[in-house]
Amino acid sequence: MTYIDELKDVIRRLHGVESTHVESVPVKETFQGKTVWDGMVEVFDLHGHPKAPKVYAWAHDTDDPKKPRRHVTVLHTGPITSAVKAVQAAIVQEFRGGETPEEA
C-alpha cells in the first residue's frame, strides 16, 4: 500500500467518503525562530462530504509503541483554507493538549 493509499483509507474511515489525491504541499511552520513543523501535506478532494470539498492529511511516526504512526486529517472548512492553515490548526490543538482535529 502506498502512502497516498494509506491516507485515503484513513480519510474513508474517519470521514466516510472517498477521496482523490490532488497535490503534495510542503509546509514549514516556525514559532519564535524555531521550526515546529516541517513536512508534506497531502491535499485530497472529497466526494460527497456534507461539509467540506477537500481535506488536508499527513502522517508521522511517534515514540508510542502502542501507536507508532499517527495520521492527521483536517477538513477544508471555516478558517481552514490551505495546507498551511491545516498545519497551524493541528499545532494549536496539540499545544492545547487535545487531539488534532481528526486523528487515527
N, C-alpha and C. Protein backbone atom coordinates (compact mmCIF):
# COMPACT_ATOMS: atom_id res chain seq x y z
N MET A 1 0.85 -1.18 0.00
CA MET A 1 0.00 0.00 0.00
C MET A 1 0.90 1.25 0.00
N THR A 2 0.59 2.20 -0.86
CA THR A 2 1.37 3.44 -0.92
C THR A 2 0.95 4.37 0.21
N TYR A 3 1.76 5.37 0.44
CA TYR A 3 1.46 6.38 1.45
C TYR A 3 0.13 7.07 1.14
N ILE A 4 -0.09 7.42 -0.11
CA ILE A 4 -1.34 8.08 -0.52
C ILE A 4 -2.52 7.15 -0.27
N ASP A 5 -2.40 5.86 -0.61
CA ASP A 5 -3.47 4.91 -0.36
C ASP A 5 -3.75 4.77 1.14
N GLU A 6 -2.69 4.80 1.94
CA GLU A 6 -2.83 4.73 3.40
C GLU A 6 -3.66 5.92 3.90
N LEU A 7 -3.34 7.11 3.40
CA LEU A 7 -4.09 8.30 3.81
C LEU A 7 -5.53 8.25 3.31
N LYS A 8 -5.75 7.74 2.09
CA LYS A 8 -7.11 7.61 1.57
C LYS A 8 -7.94 6.67 2.44
N ASP A 9 -7.33 5.59 2.94
CA ASP A 9 -8.02 4.67 3.84
C ASP A 9 -8.40 5.37 5.14
N VAL A 10 -7.50 6.17 5.68
CA VAL A 10 -7.78 6.91 6.91
C VAL A 10 -8.92 7.90 6.67
N ILE A 11 -8.88 8.61 5.56
CA ILE A 11 -9.94 9.57 5.21
C ILE A 11 -11.28 8.86 5.11
N ARG A 12 -11.30 7.71 4.44
CA ARG A 12 -12.53 6.93 4.30
C ARG A 12 -13.07 6.52 5.68
N ARG A 13 -12.17 6.05 6.54
CA ARG A 13 -12.56 5.59 7.87
C ARG A 13 -13.07 6.74 8.75
N LEU A 14 -12.36 7.87 8.74
CA LEU A 14 -12.72 8.99 9.60
C LEU A 14 -13.89 9.82 9.09
N HIS A 15 -13.97 9.98 7.77
CA HIS A 15 -14.95 10.91 7.21
C HIS A 15 -16.05 10.24 6.38
N GLY A 16 -15.92 8.96 6.13
CA GLY A 16 -16.97 8.21 5.47
C GLY A 16 -17.16 8.49 4.00
N VAL A 17 -16.14 9.05 3.34
CA VAL A 17 -16.26 9.35 1.91
C VAL A 17 -14.97 8.96 1.19
N GLU A 18 -15.09 8.81 -0.12
CA GLU A 18 -13.92 8.55 -0.96
C GLU A 18 -13.22 9.87 -1.24
N SER A 19 -11.95 9.77 -1.65
CA SER A 19 -11.18 10.97 -1.93
C SER A 19 -10.25 10.74 -3.12
N THR A 20 -9.83 11.85 -3.71
CA THR A 20 -8.88 11.83 -4.81
C THR A 20 -7.71 12.74 -4.46
N HIS A 21 -6.49 12.20 -4.57
CA HIS A 21 -5.30 13.00 -4.26
C HIS A 21 -5.13 14.08 -5.31
N VAL A 22 -4.90 15.32 -4.86
CA VAL A 22 -4.77 16.46 -5.75
C VAL A 22 -3.32 16.93 -5.86
N GLU A 23 -2.68 17.10 -4.70
CA GLU A 23 -1.31 17.61 -4.71
C GLU A 23 -0.63 17.38 -3.37
N SER A 24 0.69 17.54 -3.37
CA SER A 24 1.51 17.50 -2.17
C SER A 24 2.07 18.89 -1.96
N VAL A 25 1.87 19.44 -0.75
CA VAL A 25 2.29 20.81 -0.47
C VAL A 25 3.32 20.81 0.67
N PRO A 26 4.53 21.31 0.41
CA PRO A 26 5.50 21.41 1.50
C PRO A 26 5.11 22.54 2.44
N VAL A 27 5.14 22.26 3.75
CA VAL A 27 4.80 23.27 4.75
C VAL A 27 5.88 23.29 5.82
N LYS A 28 6.34 24.48 6.15
CA LYS A 28 7.29 24.66 7.25
C LYS A 28 6.73 25.74 8.16
N GLU A 29 6.46 25.37 9.40
CA GLU A 29 5.93 26.31 10.38
C GLU A 29 6.99 26.61 11.42
N THR A 30 7.22 27.90 11.68
CA THR A 30 8.17 28.29 12.71
C THR A 30 7.46 29.11 13.77
N PHE A 31 8.00 29.08 14.98
CA PHE A 31 7.48 29.87 16.08
C PHE A 31 8.68 30.38 16.87
N GLN A 32 8.76 31.68 17.00
CA GLN A 32 9.87 32.33 17.70
C GLN A 32 11.23 31.83 17.18
N GLY A 33 11.32 31.73 15.86
CA GLY A 33 12.57 31.37 15.21
C GLY A 33 12.89 29.89 15.17
N LYS A 34 12.04 29.06 15.76
CA LYS A 34 12.29 27.62 15.78
C LYS A 34 11.27 26.91 14.89
N THR A 35 11.74 25.89 14.17
CA THR A 35 10.85 25.10 13.34
C THR A 35 10.02 24.18 14.24
N VAL A 36 8.70 24.31 14.14
CA VAL A 36 7.82 23.45 14.95
C VAL A 36 7.17 22.36 14.10
N TRP A 37 7.20 22.53 12.79
CA TRP A 37 6.67 21.51 11.89
C TRP A 37 7.27 21.72 10.51
N ASP A 38 7.71 20.63 9.89
CA ASP A 38 8.30 20.71 8.56
C ASP A 38 7.98 19.41 7.85
N GLY A 39 7.12 19.47 6.85
CA GLY A 39 6.76 18.25 6.14
C GLY A 39 5.84 18.50 4.97
N MET A 40 5.39 17.40 4.38
CA MET A 40 4.48 17.47 3.24
C MET A 40 3.05 17.25 3.71
N VAL A 41 2.17 18.09 3.22
CA VAL A 41 0.73 17.93 3.47
C VAL A 41 0.11 17.46 2.16
N GLU A 42 -0.64 16.38 2.25
CA GLU A 42 -1.31 15.85 1.06
C GLU A 42 -2.72 16.44 1.00
N VAL A 43 -3.09 16.93 -0.17
CA VAL A 43 -4.40 17.54 -0.36
C VAL A 43 -5.26 16.58 -1.17
N PHE A 44 -6.47 16.35 -0.69
CA PHE A 44 -7.41 15.43 -1.34
C PHE A 44 -8.74 16.12 -1.58
N ASP A 45 -9.35 15.91 -2.74
CA ASP A 45 -10.73 16.30 -2.97
C ASP A 45 -11.60 15.23 -2.34
N LEU A 46 -12.68 15.65 -1.68
CA LEU A 46 -13.62 14.71 -1.07
C LEU A 46 -14.83 14.55 -1.97
N HIS A 47 -15.37 13.34 -2.03
CA HIS A 47 -16.53 13.04 -2.88
C HIS A 47 -17.75 12.80 -2.01
N GLY A 48 -18.63 13.80 -1.96
CA GLY A 48 -19.89 13.64 -1.24
C GLY A 48 -19.84 13.97 0.24
N HIS A 49 -18.81 14.67 0.69
CA HIS A 49 -18.77 15.06 2.11
C HIS A 49 -19.77 16.20 2.32
N PRO A 50 -20.57 16.14 3.41
CA PRO A 50 -21.60 17.17 3.60
C PRO A 50 -21.08 18.56 3.97
N LYS A 51 -19.85 18.66 4.48
CA LYS A 51 -19.38 19.96 4.96
C LYS A 51 -18.13 20.50 4.28
N ALA A 52 -17.35 19.64 3.65
CA ALA A 52 -16.06 20.11 3.11
C ALA A 52 -15.79 19.56 1.72
N PRO A 53 -15.22 20.40 0.84
CA PRO A 53 -14.89 19.94 -0.51
C PRO A 53 -13.55 19.19 -0.56
N LYS A 54 -12.69 19.43 0.45
CA LYS A 54 -11.38 18.77 0.46
C LYS A 54 -10.90 18.58 1.88
N VAL A 55 -9.80 17.82 1.98
CA VAL A 55 -9.19 17.54 3.27
C VAL A 55 -7.68 17.57 3.11
N TYR A 56 -7.00 17.98 4.18
CA TYR A 56 -5.54 18.00 4.24
C TYR A 56 -5.13 16.85 5.15
N ALA A 57 -4.14 16.07 4.74
CA ALA A 57 -3.77 14.88 5.51
C ALA A 57 -2.27 14.65 5.50
N TRP A 58 -1.79 14.06 6.61
CA TRP A 58 -0.39 13.66 6.70
C TRP A 58 -0.27 12.62 7.80
N ALA A 59 0.89 12.00 7.83
CA ALA A 59 1.18 11.00 8.86
C ALA A 59 2.61 11.18 9.32
N HIS A 60 2.87 10.79 10.56
CA HIS A 60 4.24 10.82 11.06
C HIS A 60 4.41 9.75 12.12
N ASP A 61 5.66 9.34 12.31
CA ASP A 61 5.96 8.33 13.30
C ASP A 61 5.95 8.97 14.69
N THR A 62 5.64 8.14 15.70
CA THR A 62 5.61 8.62 17.08
C THR A 62 6.58 7.78 17.92
N ASP A 63 6.73 8.17 19.15
CA ASP A 63 7.56 7.41 20.09
C ASP A 63 6.71 6.43 20.91
N ASP A 64 5.42 6.35 20.59
CA ASP A 64 4.50 5.49 21.33
C ASP A 64 4.44 4.11 20.68
N PRO A 65 4.95 3.07 21.36
CA PRO A 65 4.93 1.73 20.75
C PRO A 65 3.51 1.20 20.50
N LYS A 66 2.53 1.70 21.25
CA LYS A 66 1.13 1.26 21.05
C LYS A 66 0.52 1.91 19.82
N LYS A 67 1.03 3.07 19.45
CA LYS A 67 0.53 3.82 18.29
C LYS A 67 1.74 4.42 17.57
N PRO A 68 2.50 3.57 16.86
CA PRO A 68 3.77 4.04 16.27
C PRO A 68 3.61 5.03 15.12
N ARG A 69 2.44 5.10 14.52
CA ARG A 69 2.22 6.01 13.40
C ARG A 69 0.95 6.81 13.67
N ARG A 70 1.03 8.10 13.46
CA ARG A 70 -0.10 8.98 13.71
C ARG A 70 -0.55 9.60 12.38
N HIS A 71 -1.83 9.53 12.11
CA HIS A 71 -2.41 10.12 10.91
C HIS A 71 -3.24 11.33 11.33
N VAL A 72 -3.10 12.41 10.59
CA VAL A 72 -3.84 13.62 10.88
C VAL A 72 -4.60 14.04 9.63
N THR A 73 -5.89 14.37 9.80
CA THR A 73 -6.67 14.93 8.70
C THR A 73 -7.36 16.19 9.20
N VAL A 74 -7.39 17.21 8.37
CA VAL A 74 -8.04 18.47 8.72
C VAL A 74 -8.93 18.86 7.54
N LEU A 75 -10.23 19.00 7.82
CA LEU A 75 -11.17 19.36 6.76
C LEU A 75 -11.00 20.82 6.32
N HIS A 76 -11.23 21.06 5.05
CA HIS A 76 -11.20 22.40 4.45
C HIS A 76 -12.55 23.06 4.74
N THR A 77 -12.68 23.62 5.94
CA THR A 77 -13.92 24.30 6.34
C THR A 77 -13.56 25.52 7.17
N GLY A 78 -14.47 26.50 7.21
CA GLY A 78 -14.27 27.69 8.03
C GLY A 78 -12.95 28.36 7.74
N PRO A 79 -12.14 28.57 8.79
CA PRO A 79 -10.87 29.28 8.58
C PRO A 79 -9.78 28.40 7.95
N ILE A 80 -10.02 27.10 7.83
CA ILE A 80 -9.02 26.20 7.25
C ILE A 80 -9.17 26.23 5.73
N THR A 81 -8.34 27.04 5.09
CA THR A 81 -8.46 27.23 3.64
C THR A 81 -7.19 26.86 2.88
N SER A 82 -6.20 26.28 3.58
CA SER A 82 -4.96 25.92 2.91
C SER A 82 -4.23 24.86 3.74
N ALA A 83 -3.21 24.28 3.14
CA ALA A 83 -2.39 23.30 3.85
C ALA A 83 -1.70 23.96 5.04
N VAL A 84 -1.25 25.18 4.89
CA VAL A 84 -0.59 25.90 5.98
C VAL A 84 -1.57 26.09 7.14
N LYS A 85 -2.78 26.52 6.85
CA LYS A 85 -3.79 26.72 7.90
C LYS A 85 -4.13 25.40 8.59
N ALA A 86 -4.14 24.30 7.83
CA ALA A 86 -4.41 22.99 8.43
C ALA A 86 -3.33 22.61 9.42
N VAL A 87 -2.08 22.83 9.06
CA VAL A 87 -0.97 22.53 9.97
C VAL A 87 -1.05 23.43 11.20
N GLN A 88 -1.33 24.71 11.00
CA GLN A 88 -1.44 25.63 12.14
C GLN A 88 -2.54 25.18 13.10
N ALA A 89 -3.68 24.76 12.57
CA ALA A 89 -4.79 24.30 13.41
C ALA A 89 -4.38 23.05 14.19
N ALA A 90 -3.68 22.14 13.56
CA ALA A 90 -3.24 20.91 14.23
C ALA A 90 -2.24 21.24 15.33
N ILE A 91 -1.34 22.17 15.08
CA ILE A 91 -0.36 22.57 16.09
C ILE A 91 -1.05 23.19 17.30
N VAL A 92 -2.01 24.07 17.05
CA VAL A 92 -2.73 24.73 18.14
C VAL A 92 -3.47 23.69 18.98
N GLN A 93 -4.16 22.75 18.32
CA GLN A 93 -4.88 21.69 19.05
C GLN A 93 -3.92 20.88 19.91
N GLU A 94 -2.80 20.50 19.32
CA GLU A 94 -1.83 19.69 20.05
C GLU A 94 -1.26 20.47 21.24
N PHE A 95 -0.99 21.75 21.04
CA PHE A 95 -0.45 22.59 22.10
C PHE A 95 -1.44 22.71 23.26
N ARG A 96 -2.72 22.75 22.94
CA ARG A 96 -3.76 22.86 23.97
C ARG A 96 -3.99 21.54 24.69
N GLY A 97 -3.28 20.53 24.25
CA GLY A 97 -3.37 19.25 24.95
C GLY A 97 -4.42 18.30 24.42
N GLY A 98 -5.04 18.68 23.33
CA GLY A 98 -6.07 17.81 22.75
C GLY A 98 -5.53 17.06 21.56
N GLU A 99 -6.37 16.22 21.04
CA GLU A 99 -6.03 15.53 19.81
C GLU A 99 -6.13 16.55 18.69
N THR A 100 -5.46 16.28 17.60
CA THR A 100 -5.57 17.16 16.44
C THR A 100 -6.98 17.04 15.88
N PRO A 101 -7.39 17.92 14.98
CA PRO A 101 -8.78 17.96 14.52
C PRO A 101 -9.39 16.58 14.21
N GLU A 102 -8.73 15.76 13.45
CA GLU A 102 -9.19 14.40 13.21
C GLU A 102 -7.94 13.55 13.19
N GLU A 103 -7.95 12.50 13.96
CA GLU A 103 -6.75 11.71 14.10
C GLU A 103 -7.09 10.23 14.12
N ALA A 104 -6.21 9.45 13.53
CA ALA A 104 -6.40 7.99 13.55
C ALA A 104 -5.14 7.34 14.06
